[in-house]
Amino acid sequence: MRALCVTIDFDRDVNRAVPGRSEAVCGTDMCHRYGSSAEGAAVLSEIMDDLNVRGTFFAEASTLELAGASSVSGHEVALHGYDHEDFTGYVSGMPMGEEEIREVMERSVNKVKDLTGAVPRGFRVPYMRVHEPLMNMLQEYGIEYDSSEYAKIGRSVMPYRKWGIIEIPVPKGKDASGRTIAAYLWPMHEGDRIPGDYVEMAAGMEEGVFVIATHTWHMVESIKKGLMDKARREKNSEHVRDVIAAIIDMGYEPMKMEQAMGTFPL
């Protein structure tokens, strides 16, 4: 069996880590804004609704509140920190200790529960930078699965048990030209890859979970060129739709991550 999980990081616009602070800022202006993320969440929800796909939004708790939880109604909401924290201190220079981690986790879980009515079952660490102290305590907060690691794409990409929970990794490998490719759609949004690159990637897998990943804000805003005009936004949406539709047409069954978690043997 082949499952397709469409996953979206629902976080503040064009987020990045900076030295001296654990929370993310937007772009180069050191601000916090959420307009592109809110708009992108609505666009992605519409695309998935049209394709009869239920996805998983890994939400910053603060962004879920400020950008609006209503746009992701009907989809799974999992956790992505509170303020897109740099838990490892890789850029901030401030690795987070146990007390700080627990404060973030408690605030995040409670906020998502208040906004959605459900305790989040899944987690993706900001920046895909795994932090062992954090990962080892996820289970204490009701987290049952994680999607913070990359796994080599091959004939089989299966979930596995790690940190006491289930890991559902994002595929990564080489394309026909030998270039590295991951199933994060970031390069496609920036004009550096085409939908067919991701479709070809999925075509070689015979069993397991193919995890597509993207960001809400990237539907309407580019790292390189800023806010997209109408034509660019429409083309961007068309590309995302093409990737999802083509993979489903290959026989993949779309499902939320909480469903995929229990579908495959460990």
Protein backbone atom coordinates (compact mmCIF):
# COMPACT_ATOMS: atom_id res chain seq x y z
CA MET A 1 0.00 0.00 0.00
CA ARG A 2 1.10 3.56 -0.73
CA ALA A 3 -0.23 6.48 1.30
CA LEU A 4 0.10 10.19 0.51
CA CYS A 5 0.25 12.61 3.43
CA VAL A 6 -0.01 16.27 2.48
CA THR A 7 1.55 18.22 5.35
CA ILE A 8 1.71 21.98 5.78
CA ASP A 9 3.74 24.02 8.25
CA PHE A 10 1.30 26.72 9.40
CA ASP A 11 3.75 29.32 10.67
CA ARG A 12 4.49 33.03 10.58
CA ASP A 13 5.39 34.62 7.26
CA VAL A 14 8.84 33.86 5.82
CA ASN A 15 10.12 32.76 9.20
CA ARG A 16 13.78 32.51 10.12
CA ALA A 17 15.89 32.10 13.23
CA VAL A 18 18.13 34.92 14.45
CA PRO A 19 20.93 35.16 17.03
CA GLY A 20 19.94 36.04 20.56
CA ARG A 21 16.28 35.00 20.55
CA SER A 22 14.51 31.67 20.49
CA GLU A 23 11.39 32.75 18.56
CA ALA A 24 11.39 33.25 14.79
CA VAL A 25 11.09 36.55 12.95
CA CYS A 26 9.80 37.32 9.46
CA GLY A 27 12.25 37.85 6.62
CA THR A 28 14.87 40.51 7.24
CA ASP A 29 12.73 43.10 9.04
CA MET A 30 12.70 41.38 12.47
CA CYS A 31 8.89 41.61 12.66
CA HIS A 32 6.10 39.13 13.30
CA ARG A 33 3.40 39.02 10.62
CA TYR A 34 0.83 36.45 9.59
CA GLY A 35 -1.06 37.78 6.55
CA SER A 36 0.62 35.58 3.93
CA SER A 37 0.27 32.56 6.17
CA ALA A 38 -3.45 33.16 6.67
CA GLU A 39 -4.03 33.61 2.96
CA GLY A 40 -1.90 30.60 2.07
CA ALA A 41 -3.72 28.37 4.55
CA ALA A 42 -7.03 29.23 2.89
CA VAL A 43 -5.58 28.56 -0.59
CA LEU A 44 -4.17 25.18 0.41
CA SER A 45 -7.40 24.17 2.15
CA GLU A 46 -9.33 25.00 -1.02
CA ILE A 47 -6.95 22.95 -3.18
CA MET A 48 -7.23 19.95 -0.88
CA ASP A 49 -10.99 20.27 -0.57
CA ASP A 50 -11.30 20.29 -4.38
CA LEU A 51 -9.19 17.11 -4.56
CA ASN A 52 -11.06 15.48 -1.64
CA VAL A 53 -7.84 15.33 0.39
CA ARG A 54 -7.62 15.78 4.14
CA GLY A 55 -4.20 17.06 5.15
CA THR A 56 -2.20 17.73 8.30
CA PHE A 57 -1.31 21.28 9.33
CA PHE A 58 1.68 21.49 11.67
CA ALA A 59 0.75 24.72 13.40
CA GLU A 60 2.70 27.22 15.45
CA ALA A 61 0.22 27.75 18.25
CA SER A 62 0.49 31.54 18.05
CA THR A 63 0.04 31.57 14.27
CA LEU A 64 -2.98 29.28 14.49
CA GLU A 65 -4.59 31.85 16.76
CA LEU A 66 -3.53 35.00 14.91
CA ALA A 67 -3.92 33.76 11.33
CA GLY A 68 -7.13 31.90 12.11
CA ALA A 69 -7.93 28.25 12.80
CA SER A 70 -11.16 28.33 10.79
CA SER A 71 -9.32 28.08 7.44
CA VAL A 72 -8.05 24.60 8.29
CA SER A 73 -11.36 23.18 9.45
CA GLY A 74 -11.75 19.53 8.45
CA HIS A 75 -8.00 18.91 8.41
CA GLU A 76 -5.79 17.55 11.16
CA VAL A 77 -3.98 20.14 13.26
CA ALA A 78 -0.66 18.97 14.71
CA LEU A 79 2.01 20.92 16.59
CA HIS A 80 4.95 23.03 15.35
CA GLY A 81 6.01 24.86 18.51
CA TYR A 82 4.52 28.08 19.84
CA ASP A 83 6.65 30.76 18.14
CA HIS A 84 8.69 28.57 15.74
CA GLU A 85 11.37 28.19 18.39
CA ASP A 86 14.99 27.42 17.61
CA PHE A 87 15.06 24.62 20.21
CA THR A 88 18.62 23.52 19.42
CA GLY A 89 20.06 27.04 19.51
CA TYR A 90 21.69 26.32 16.13
CA VAL A 91 21.23 29.96 15.03
CA SER A 92 20.05 31.69 18.19
CA GLY A 93 23.05 30.48 20.19
CA MET A 94 20.58 29.74 23.00
CA PRO A 95 19.83 25.99 23.26
CA MET A 96 16.59 25.57 25.19
CA GLY A 97 16.72 23.74 28.52
CA GLU A 98 14.14 21.36 29.97
CA GLU A 99 12.21 24.03 31.87
CA GLU A 100 11.94 26.27 28.81
CA ILE A 101 10.89 23.34 26.61
CA ARG A 102 8.18 22.31 29.04
CA GLU A 103 6.81 25.85 29.17
CA VAL A 104 6.63 25.99 25.35
CA MET A 105 5.03 22.55 25.09
CA GLU A 106 2.39 23.24 27.72
CA ARG A 107 1.45 26.58 26.17
CA SER A 108 1.40 25.10 22.67
CA VAL A 109 -0.68 22.03 23.45
CA ASN A 110 -3.17 24.04 25.51
CA LYS A 111 -3.53 26.71 22.83
CA VAL A 112 -4.11 24.21 20.02
CA LYS A 113 -6.63 22.34 22.18
CA ASP A 114 -8.47 25.58 22.97
CA LEU A 115 -8.63 26.55 19.28
CA THR A 116 -9.49 23.15 17.78
CA GLY A 117 -11.11 21.22 20.61
CA ALA A 118 -8.58 18.39 20.31
CA VAL A 119 -5.16 17.61 21.78
CA PRO A 120 -2.63 17.49 18.90
CA ARG A 121 -1.38 13.97 18.20
CA GLY A 122 1.53 14.90 15.93
CA PHE A 123 4.61 17.13 15.96
CA ARG A 124 7.16 18.60 13.57
CA VAL A 125 10.09 20.45 15.06
CA PRO A 126 10.75 23.94 13.60
CA TYR A 127 13.54 24.03 11.00
CA MET A 128 13.56 20.18 10.99
CA ARG A 129 16.36 20.40 13.57
CA VAL A 130 15.82 17.54 15.98
CA HIS A 131 16.52 18.37 19.64
CA GLU A 132 16.90 15.23 21.75
CA PRO A 133 15.69 16.72 25.09
CA LEU A 134 12.54 17.93 23.33
CA MET A 135 11.92 14.75 21.35
CA ASN A 136 12.30 12.58 24.44
CA MET A 137 9.48 14.38 26.24
CA LEU A 138 6.93 14.60 23.40
CA GLN A 139 5.09 11.52 24.61
CA GLU A 140 4.40 13.21 27.95
CA TYR A 141 2.29 15.81 26.15
CA GLY A 142 0.10 13.38 24.22
CA ILE A 143 2.20 13.37 21.04
CA GLU A 144 1.92 9.99 19.29
CA TYR A 145 3.90 10.63 16.11
CA ASP A 146 6.55 12.96 14.70
CA SER A 147 7.58 14.07 11.20
CA SER A 148 10.89 15.85 11.79
CA GLU A 149 13.33 13.55 10.00
CA TYR A 150 14.26 12.87 6.39
CA ALA A 151 14.48 9.32 5.06
CA LYS A 152 16.17 8.09 1.90
CA ILE A 153 13.61 7.58 -0.85
CA GLY A 154 13.53 4.06 -2.23
CA ARG A 155 11.09 1.30 -3.01
CA SER A 156 9.84 1.50 0.58
CA VAL A 157 9.55 4.45 2.98
CA MET A 158 7.92 3.17 6.15
CA PRO A 159 7.16 4.73 9.54
CA TYR A 160 9.37 3.57 12.40
CA ARG A 161 9.47 3.88 16.16
CA LYS A 162 11.78 6.44 17.75
CA TRP A 163 11.72 8.54 20.94
CA GLY A 164 8.92 6.30 22.19
CA ILE A 165 6.58 7.48 19.41
CA ILE A 166 6.16 6.86 15.68
CA GLU A 167 8.35 8.72 13.18
CA ILE A 168 6.82 9.38 9.74
CA PRO A 169 9.75 10.87 7.78
CA VAL A 170 9.85 13.20 4.77
CA PRO A 171 11.42 11.44 1.74
CA LYS A 172 14.71 12.71 0.37
CA GLY A 173 17.03 11.46 -2.37
CA LYS A 174 18.56 12.22 -5.77
CA ASP A 175 16.76 13.12 -8.99
CA ALA A 176 17.68 11.79 -12.43
CA SER A 177 20.42 14.42 -12.79
CA GLY A 178 21.95 13.59 -9.42
CA ARG A 179 20.65 16.68 -7.62
CA THR A 180 19.39 16.32 -4.06
CA ILE A 181 15.63 16.55 -3.75
CA ALA A 182 13.36 16.37 -0.72
CA ALA A 183 9.58 16.22 -0.74
CA TYR A 184 9.43 19.75 0.68
CA LEU A 185 7.98 21.91 -2.10
CA TRP A 186 10.09 24.95 -1.19
CA PRO A 187 12.20 24.91 -4.43
CA MET A 188 9.07 24.67 -6.57
CA HIS A 189 7.55 27.73 -4.90
CA GLU A 190 10.79 29.59 -5.61
CA GLY A 191 10.78 28.58 -9.29
CA ASP A 192 13.73 26.18 -8.99
CA ARG A 193 11.81 22.92 -9.56
CA ILE A 194 8.76 21.76 -11.50
CA PRO A 195 5.85 19.56 -10.36
CA GLY A 196 7.16 16.63 -12.37
CA ASP A 197 10.26 16.41 -10.18
CA TYR A 198 8.14 15.46 -7.17
CA VAL A 199 5.84 13.21 -9.15
CA GLU A 200 8.87 11.31 -10.48
CA MET A 201 10.16 11.02 -6.92
CA ALA A 202 6.90 9.42 -5.76
CA ALA A 203 6.69 7.13 -8.79
CA GLY A 204 9.67 5.07 -7.64
CA MET A 205 8.14 4.17 -4.29
CA GLU A 206 6.23 0.88 -4.07
CA GLU A 207 5.04 0.91 -0.44
CA GLY A 208 4.89 3.16 2.57
CA VAL A 209 4.10 6.82 3.22
CA PHE A 210 5.06 9.60 0.81
CA VAL A 211 5.05 12.83 2.83
CA ILE A 212 4.70 16.09 0.90
CA ALA A 213 5.60 19.16 2.95
CA THR A 214 5.20 22.89 2.38
CA HIS A 215 4.47 26.16 4.20
CA THR A 216 1.27 28.20 4.20
CA TRP A 217 2.97 31.52 3.47
CA HIS A 218 4.88 30.08 0.50
CA MET A 219 1.67 29.98 -1.52
CA VAL A 220 1.65 33.77 -1.83
CA GLU A 221 5.12 34.99 -0.88
CA SER A 222 8.59 34.14 -2.18
CA ILE A 223 11.87 34.29 -0.29
CA LYS A 224 13.59 35.69 -3.39
CA LYS A 225 10.96 38.06 -4.79
CA GLY A 226 8.57 38.93 -1.97
CA LEU A 227 4.80 38.96 -2.36
CA MET A 228 3.60 37.23 -5.53
CA ASP A 229 1.35 38.94 -8.05
CA LYS A 230 -1.95 37.35 -9.10
CA ALA A 231 -0.47 35.42 -12.03
CA ARG A 232 2.36 33.99 -9.92
CA ARG A 233 -0.04 32.97 -7.16
CA GLU A 234 -2.30 31.20 -9.62
CA LYS A 235 0.64 29.35 -11.18
CA ASN A 236 1.93 28.43 -7.72
CA SER A 237 -1.46 26.99 -6.76
CA GLU A 238 -1.68 25.13 -10.05
CA HIS A 239 1.70 23.52 -9.43
CA VAL A 240 0.72 22.31 -5.95
CA ARG A 241 -2.56 20.95 -7.29
CA ASP A 242 -0.71 19.18 -10.11
CA VAL A 243 1.69 17.45 -7.72
CA ILE A 244 -1.04 16.18 -5.40
CA ALA A 245 -3.40 15.12 -8.20
CA ALA A 246 -0.69 13.29 -10.16
CA ILE A 247 0.47 11.32 -7.12
CA ILE A 248 -3.11 10.31 -6.29
CA ASP A 249 -3.59 9.25 -9.93
CA MET A 250 -0.64 6.85 -9.46
CA GLY A 251 -2.67 4.97 -6.88
CA TYR A 252 -1.59 6.65 -3.66
CA GLU A 253 -4.30 6.89 -1.00
CA PRO A 254 -4.43 10.36 0.57
CA MET A 255 -4.78 10.43 4.34
CA LYS A 256 -4.05 12.53 7.40
CA MET A 257 -0.90 11.65 9.28
CA GLU A 258 -2.89 10.46 12.28
CA GLN A 259 -4.44 7.87 9.94
CA ALA A 260 -1.12 6.85 8.38
CA MET A 261 0.31 6.37 11.86
CA GLY A 262 -1.85 3.29 12.41
CA THR A 263 -1.93 1.94 8.85
CA PHE A 264 1.55 0.47 8.49
CA PRO A 265 3.27 -2.18 10.62
CA LEU A 266 6.29 -1.02 12.62
